[in-house]
Amino acid sequence: MINYKKDDRGLLDLTRQIEDLKQKVHDAELETSLIKAIGQNSPEMKALQKRVQELEEKLKLKQMRESGL
């Protein structure tokens, strides 16, 4: 038999549930931050960013040629 304090309701204790949920939210936010940071600095992302920049420059040149500049 588990002995609880007079005010401790075990798993039904809302204070305990709130603290558990706060910790889960904190962990999830940290994980999301790490994923975003790693994703932005990955070699694949850097290659894609470089490719986008190249295509934007190409498009700009094409637009300038078509407009006669």
PDB file of N, CA and C in Angstrom:
ATOM      1  N   MET A   1       0.841  -1.188   0.000  1.00  0.00           N
ATOM      2  CA  MET A   1       0.000   0.000   0.000  1.00  0.00           C
ATOM      3  C   MET A   1       0.881   1.246   0.000  1.00  0.00           C
ATOM      4  N   ILE A   2       0.513   2.217  -0.849  1.00  0.00           N
ATOM      5  CA  ILE A   2       1.274   3.458  -0.950  1.00  0.00           C
ATOM      6  C   ILE A   2       0.711   4.448   0.057  1.00  0.00           C
ATOM      7  N   ASN A   3       1.603   5.037   0.821  1.00  0.00           N
ATOM      8  CA  ASN A   3       1.192   6.039   1.801  1.00  0.00           C
ATOM      9  C   ASN A   3       1.366   7.434   1.213  1.00  0.00           C
ATOM     10  N   TYR A   4       0.266   8.147   1.050  1.00  0.00           N
ATOM     11  CA  TYR A   4       0.308   9.509   0.545  1.00  0.00           C
ATOM     12  C   TYR A   4       0.124  10.469   1.710  1.00  0.00           C
ATOM     13  N   LYS A   5       0.627  11.695   1.522  1.00  0.00           N
ATOM     14  CA  LYS A   5       0.358  12.727   2.509  1.00  0.00           C
ATOM     15  C   LYS A   5      -1.129  13.048   2.457  1.00  0.00           C
ATOM     16  N   LYS A   6      -1.582  13.753   3.425  1.00  0.00           N
ATOM     17  CA  LYS A   6      -3.006  14.079   3.499  1.00  0.00           C
ATOM     18  C   LYS A   6      -3.481  14.810   2.239  1.00  0.00           C
ATOM     19  N   ASP A   7      -2.680  15.770   1.725  1.00  0.00           N
ATOM     20  CA  ASP A   7      -3.086  16.556   0.559  1.00  0.00           C
ATOM     21  C   ASP A   7      -2.611  15.946  -0.756  1.00  0.00           C
ATOM     22  N   ASP A   8      -1.843  14.889  -0.715  1.00  0.00           N
ATOM     23  CA  ASP A   8      -1.309  14.281  -1.926  1.00  0.00           C
ATOM     24  C   ASP A   8      -2.326  13.284  -2.464  1.00  0.00           C
ATOM     25  N   ARG A   9      -2.759  13.517  -3.681  1.00  0.00           N
ATOM     26  CA  ARG A   9      -3.760  12.633  -4.283  1.00  0.00           C
ATOM     27  C   ARG A   9      -3.138  11.742  -5.346  1.00  0.00           C
ATOM     28  N   GLY A  10      -1.847  11.582  -5.268  1.00  0.00           N
ATOM     29  CA  GLY A  10      -1.184  10.698  -6.215  1.00  0.00           C
ATOM     30  C   GLY A  10      -1.299  11.235  -7.622  1.00  0.00           C
ATOM     31  N   LEU A  11      -1.686  10.371  -8.537  1.00  0.00           N
ATOM     32  CA  LEU A  11      -1.784  10.759  -9.942  1.00  0.00           C
ATOM     33  C   LEU A  11      -2.900  11.766 -10.197  1.00  0.00           C
ATOM     34  N   LEU A  12      -3.816  11.913  -9.262  1.00  0.00           N
ATOM     35  CA  LEU A  12      -4.910  12.872  -9.433  1.00  0.00           C
ATOM     36  C   LEU A  12      -4.527  14.271  -8.965  1.00  0.00           C
ATOM     37  N   ASP A  13      -3.341  14.433  -8.419  1.00  0.00           N
ATOM     38  CA  ASP A  13      -2.882  15.717  -7.911  1.00  0.00           C
ATOM     39  C   ASP A  13      -2.650  16.664  -9.090  1.00  0.00           C
ATOM     40  N   LEU A  14      -3.447  17.721  -9.194  1.00  0.00           N
ATOM     41  CA  LEU A  14      -3.351  18.652 -10.318  1.00  0.00           C
ATOM     42  C   LEU A  14      -2.014  19.380 -10.350  1.00  0.00           C
ATOM     43  N   THR A  15      -1.466  19.671  -9.198  1.00  0.00           N
ATOM     44  CA  THR A  15      -0.170  20.346  -9.159  1.00  0.00           C
ATOM     45  C   THR A  15       0.888  19.465  -9.794  1.00  0.00           C
ATOM     46  N   ARG A  16       0.861  18.197  -9.483  1.00  0.00           N
ATOM     47  CA  ARG A  16       1.820  17.253 -10.071  1.00  0.00           C
ATOM     48  C   ARG A  16       1.606  17.161 -11.582  1.00  0.00           C
ATOM     49  N   GLN A  17       0.351  17.095 -12.008  1.00  0.00           N
ATOM     50  CA  GLN A  17       0.054  17.014 -13.432  1.00  0.00           C
ATOM     51  C   GLN A  17       0.539  18.263 -14.167  1.00  0.00           C
ATOM     52  N   ILE A  18       0.329  19.425 -13.558  1.00  0.00           N
ATOM     53  CA  ILE A  18       0.769  20.677 -14.165  1.00  0.00           C
ATOM     54  C   ILE A  18       2.285  20.692 -14.314  1.00  0.00           C
ATOM     55  N   GLU A  19       2.995  20.297 -13.277  1.00  0.00           N
ATOM     56  CA  GLU A  19       4.459  20.262 -13.341  1.00  0.00           C
ATOM     57  C   GLU A  19       4.938  19.275 -14.400  1.00  0.00           C
ATOM     58  N   ASP A  20       4.295  18.120 -14.491  1.00  0.00           N
ATOM     59  CA  ASP A  20       4.654  17.142 -15.519  1.00  0.00           C
ATOM     60  C   ASP A  20       4.433  17.710 -16.920  1.00  0.00           C
ATOM     61  N   LEU A  21       3.308  18.389 -17.115  1.00  0.00           N
ATOM     62  CA  LEU A  21       3.008  18.978 -18.421  1.00  0.00           C
ATOM     63  C   LEU A  21       3.974  20.111 -18.761  1.00  0.00           C
ATOM     64  N   LYS A  22       4.336  20.911 -17.762  1.00  0.00           N
ATOM     65  CA  LYS A  22       5.309  21.973 -17.995  1.00  0.00           C
ATOM     66  C   LYS A  22       6.632  21.391 -18.467  1.00  0.00           C
ATOM     67  N   GLN A  23       7.049  20.307 -17.843  1.00  0.00           N
ATOM     68  CA  GLN A  23       8.303  19.673 -18.230  1.00  0.00           C
ATOM     69  C   GLN A  23       8.215  19.115 -19.649  1.00  0.00           C
ATOM     70  N   LYS A  24       7.077  18.510 -19.999  1.00  0.00           N
ATOM     71  CA  LYS A  24       6.902  17.977 -21.345  1.00  0.00           C
ATOM     72  C   LYS A  24       6.927  19.095 -22.382  1.00  0.00           C
ATOM     73  N   VAL A  25       6.298  20.216 -22.087  1.00  0.00           N
ATOM     74  CA  VAL A  25       6.299  21.366 -23.001  1.00  0.00           C
ATOM     75  C   VAL A  25       7.721  21.884 -23.175  1.00  0.00           C
ATOM     76  N   HIS A  26       8.431  22.008 -22.073  1.00  0.00           N
ATOM     77  CA  HIS A  26       9.815  22.477 -22.126  1.00  0.00           C
ATOM     78  C   HIS A  26      10.670  21.554 -22.993  1.00  0.00           C
ATOM     79  N   ASP A  27      10.529  20.255 -22.778  1.00  0.00           N
ATOM     80  CA  ASP A  27      11.297  19.280 -23.559  1.00  0.00           C
ATOM     81  C   ASP A  27      10.954  19.361 -25.045  1.00  0.00           C
ATOM     82  N   ALA A  28       9.679  19.513 -25.349  1.00  0.00           N
ATOM     83  CA  ALA A  28       9.247  19.595 -26.746  1.00  0.00           C
ATOM     84  C   ALA A  28       9.781  20.864 -27.412  1.00  0.00           C
ATOM     85  N   GLU A  29       9.752  21.982 -26.698  1.00  0.00           N
ATOM     86  CA  GLU A  29      10.276  23.233 -27.247  1.00  0.00           C
ATOM     87  C   GLU A  29      11.774  23.123 -27.503  1.00  0.00           C
ATOM     88  N   LEU A  30      12.489  22.506 -26.590  1.00  0.00           N
ATOM     89  CA  LEU A  30      13.925  22.321 -26.764  1.00  0.00           C
ATOM     90  C   LEU A  30      14.215  21.445 -27.974  1.00  0.00           C
ATOM     91  N   GLU A  31      13.479  20.367 -28.099  1.00  0.00           N
ATOM     92  CA  GLU A  31      13.678  19.463 -29.230  1.00  0.00           C
ATOM     93  C   GLU A  31      13.396  20.178 -30.552  1.00  0.00           C
ATOM     94  N   THR A  32      12.336  20.957 -30.587  1.00  0.00           N
ATOM     95  CA  THR A  32      11.994  21.713 -31.797  1.00  0.00           C
ATOM     96  C   THR A  32      13.095  22.706 -32.141  1.00  0.00           C
ATOM     97  N   SER A  33      13.628  23.389 -31.138  1.00  0.00           N
ATOM     98  CA  SER A  33      14.710  24.345 -31.371  1.00  0.00           C
ATOM     99  C   SER A  33      15.935  23.652 -31.946  1.00  0.00           C
ATOM    100  N   LEU A  34      16.266  22.501 -31.394  1.00  0.00           N
ATOM    101  CA  LEU A  34      17.431  21.758 -31.879  1.00  0.00           C
ATOM    102  C   LEU A  34      17.233  21.295 -33.317  1.00  0.00           C
ATOM    103  N   ILE A  35      16.051  20.815 -33.624  1.00  0.00           N
ATOM    104  CA  ILE A  35      15.774  20.341 -34.980  1.00  0.00           C
ATOM    105  C   ILE A  35      15.879  21.489 -35.972  1.00  0.00           C
ATOM    106  N   LYS A  36      15.328  22.649 -35.614  1.00  0.00           N
ATOM    107  CA  LYS A  36      15.401  23.811 -36.499  1.00  0.00           C
ATOM    108  C   LYS A  36      16.852  24.235 -36.704  1.00  0.00           C
ATOM    109  N   ALA A  37      17.621  24.275 -35.628  1.00  0.00           N
ATOM    110  CA  ALA A  37      19.020  24.707 -35.724  1.00  0.00           C
ATOM    111  C   ALA A  37      19.835  23.749 -36.573  1.00  0.00           C
ATOM    112  N   ILE A  38      19.655  22.480 -36.358  1.00  0.00           N
ATOM    113  CA  ILE A  38      20.396  21.480 -37.126  1.00  0.00           C
ATOM    114  C   ILE A  38      19.959  21.507 -38.584  1.00  0.00           C
ATOM    115  N   GLY A  39      18.670  21.620 -38.813  1.00  0.00           N
ATOM    116  CA  GLY A  39      18.143  21.631 -40.180  1.00  0.00           C
ATOM    117  C   GLY A  39      18.657  22.791 -41.001  1.00  0.00           C
ATOM    118  N   GLN A  40      18.770  23.970 -40.398  1.00  0.00           N
ATOM    119  CA  GLN A  40      19.223  25.153 -41.124  1.00  0.00           C
ATOM    120  C   GLN A  40      20.711  25.094 -41.445  1.00  0.00           C
ATOM    121  N   ASN A  41      21.474  24.344 -40.683  1.00  0.00           N
ATOM    122  CA  ASN A  41      22.918  24.282 -40.876  1.00  0.00           C
ATOM    123  C   ASN A  41      23.392  22.989 -41.502  1.00  0.00           C
ATOM    124  N   SER A  42      22.475  22.156 -41.918  1.00  0.00           N
ATOM    125  CA  SER A  42      22.871  20.886 -42.512  1.00  0.00           C
ATOM    126  C   SER A  42      23.458  21.119 -43.904  1.00  0.00           C
ATOM    127  N   PRO A  43      24.322  20.224 -44.355  1.00  0.00           N
ATOM    128  CA  PRO A  43      24.888  20.369 -45.700  1.00  0.00           C
ATOM    129  C   PRO A  43      23.818  20.401 -46.785  1.00  0.00           C
ATOM    130  N   GLU A  44      22.761  19.627 -46.598  1.00  0.00           N
ATOM    131  CA  GLU A  44      21.679  19.607 -47.581  1.00  0.00           C
ATOM    132  C   GLU A  44      20.992  20.963 -47.659  1.00  0.00           C
ATOM    133  N   MET A  45      20.744  21.574 -46.506  1.00  0.00           N
ATOM    134  CA  MET A  45      20.072  22.872 -46.487  1.00  0.00           C
ATOM    135  C   MET A  45      20.971  23.947 -47.085  1.00  0.00           C
ATOM    136  N   LYS A  46      22.258  23.896 -46.784  1.00  0.00           N
ATOM    137  CA  LYS A  46      23.186  24.877 -47.350  1.00  0.00           C
ATOM    138  C   LYS A  46      23.243  24.745 -48.870  1.00  0.00           C
ATOM    139  N   ALA A  47      23.248  23.515 -49.369  1.00  0.00           N
ATOM    140  CA  ALA A  47      23.266  23.289 -50.816  1.00  0.00           C
ATOM    141  C   ALA A  47      21.989  23.834 -51.457  1.00  0.00           C
ATOM    142  N   LEU A  48      20.867  23.610 -50.810  1.00  0.00           N
ATOM    143  CA  LEU A  48      19.597  24.118 -51.345  1.00  0.00           C
ATOM    144  C   LEU A  48      19.558  25.641 -51.338  1.00  0.00           C
ATOM    145  N   GLN A  49      20.066  26.236 -50.272  1.00  0.00           N
ATOM    146  CA  GLN A  49      20.096  27.697 -50.211  1.00  0.00           C
ATOM    147  C   GLN A  49      20.983  28.269 -51.317  1.00  0.00           C
ATOM    148  N   LYS A  50      22.111  27.616 -51.568  1.00  0.00           N
ATOM    149  CA  LYS A  50      23.004  28.059 -52.645  1.00  0.00           C
ATOM    150  C   LYS A  50      22.303  27.941 -53.995  1.00  0.00           C
ATOM    151  N   ARG A  51      21.597  26.833 -54.200  1.00  0.00           N
ATOM    152  CA  ARG A  51      20.871  26.616 -55.459  1.00  0.00           C
ATOM    153  C   ARG A  51      19.785  27.673 -55.648  1.00  0.00           C
ATOM    154  N   VAL A  52      19.074  28.001 -54.599  1.00  0.00           N
ATOM    155  CA  VAL A  52      18.031  29.031 -54.675  1.00  0.00           C
ATOM    156  C   VAL A  52      18.650  30.364 -55.061  1.00  0.00           C
ATOM    157  N   GLN A  53      19.781  30.684 -54.453  1.00  0.00           N
ATOM    158  CA  GLN A  53      20.454  31.938 -54.782  1.00  0.00           C
ATOM    159  C   GLN A  53      20.881  31.963 -56.250  1.00  0.00           C
ATOM    160  N   GLU A  54      21.414  30.858 -56.741  1.00  0.00           N
ATOM    161  CA  GLU A  54      21.818  30.775 -58.146  1.00  0.00           C
ATOM    162  C   GLU A  54      20.621  30.982 -59.071  1.00  0.00           C
ATOM    163  N   LEU A  55      19.515  30.339 -58.741  1.00  0.00           N
ATOM    164  CA  LEU A  55      18.318  30.464 -59.580  1.00  0.00           C
ATOM    165  C   LEU A  55      17.744  31.873 -59.534  1.00  0.00           C
ATOM    166  N   GLU A  56      17.803  32.511 -58.377  1.00  0.00           N
ATOM    167  CA  GLU A  56      17.321  33.892 -58.277  1.00  0.00           C
ATOM    168  C   GLU A  56      18.170  34.822 -59.142  1.00  0.00           C
ATOM    169  N   GLU A  57      19.487  34.616 -59.135  1.00  0.00           N
ATOM    170  CA  GLU A  57      20.374  35.436 -59.966  1.00  0.00           C
ATOM    171  C   GLU A  57      20.090  35.201 -61.450  1.00  0.00           C
ATOM    172  N   LYS A  58      19.880  33.940 -61.801  1.00  0.00           N
ATOM    173  CA  LYS A  58      19.572  33.591 -63.186  1.00  0.00           C
ATOM    174  C   LYS A  58      18.263  34.256 -63.639  1.00  0.00           C
ATOM    175  N   LEU A  59      17.264  34.211 -62.781  1.00  0.00           N
ATOM    176  CA  LEU A  59      15.972  34.824 -63.081  1.00  0.00           C
ATOM    177  C   LEU A  59      16.113  36.334 -63.235  1.00  0.00           C
ATOM    178  N   LYS A  60      16.893  36.938 -62.371  1.00  0.00           N
ATOM    179  CA  LYS A  60      17.104  38.384 -62.429  1.00  0.00           C
ATOM    180  C   LYS A  60      17.760  38.769 -63.753  1.00  0.00           C
ATOM    181  N   LEU A  61      18.779  38.010 -64.172  1.00  0.00           N
ATOM    182  CA  LEU A  61      19.439  38.279 -65.452  1.00  0.00           C
ATOM    183  C   LEU A  61      18.469  38.118 -66.620  1.00  0.00           C
ATOM    184  N   LYS A  62      17.667  37.083 -66.579  1.00  0.00           N
ATOM    185  CA  LYS A  62      16.694  36.845 -67.648  1.00  0.00           C
ATOM    186  C   LYS A  62      15.694  37.994 -67.730  1.00  0.00           C
ATOM    187  N   GLN A  63      15.215  38.444 -66.588  1.00  0.00           N
ATOM    188  CA  GLN A  63      14.260  39.551 -66.564  1.00  0.00           C
ATOM    189  C   GLN A  63      14.892  40.837 -67.086  1.00  0.00           C
ATOM    190  N   MET A  64      16.184  41.035 -66.761  1.00  0.00           N
ATOM    191  CA  MET A  64      16.865  42.242 -67.240  1.00  0.00           C
ATOM    192  C   MET A  64      17.024  42.194 -68.757  1.00  0.00           C
ATOM    193  N   ARG A  65      17.355  41.016 -69.311  1.00  0.00           N
ATOM    194  CA  ARG A  65      17.495  40.864 -70.761  1.00  0.00           C
ATOM    195  C   ARG A  65      16.173  41.105 -71.460  1.00  0.00           C
ATOM    196  N   GLU A  66      15.103  40.578 -70.898  1.00  0.00           N
ATOM    197  CA  GLU A  66      13.780  40.726 -71.517  1.00  0.00           C
ATOM    198  C   GLU A  66      13.280  42.162 -71.457  1.00  0.00           C
ATOM    199  N   SER A  67      13.684  42.888 -70.455  1.00  0.00           N
ATOM    200  CA  SER A  67      13.219  44.274 -70.347  1.00  0.00           C
ATOM    201  C   SER A  67      14.129  45.238 -71.123  1.00  0.00           C
ATOM    202  N   GLY A  68      15.233  44.714 -71.675  1.00  0.00           N
ATOM    203  CA  GLY A  68      16.103  45.531 -72.501  1.00  0.00           C
ATOM    204  C   GLY A  68      17.182  46.275 -71.728  1.00  0.00           C
ATOM    205  N   LEU A  69      17.414  45.919 -70.500  1.00  0.00           N
ATOM    206  CA  LEU A  69      18.449  46.610 -69.705  1.00  0.00           C
ATOM    207  C   LEU A  69      19.787  45.972 -69.840  1.00  0.00           C
TER     208      LEU A  69
END
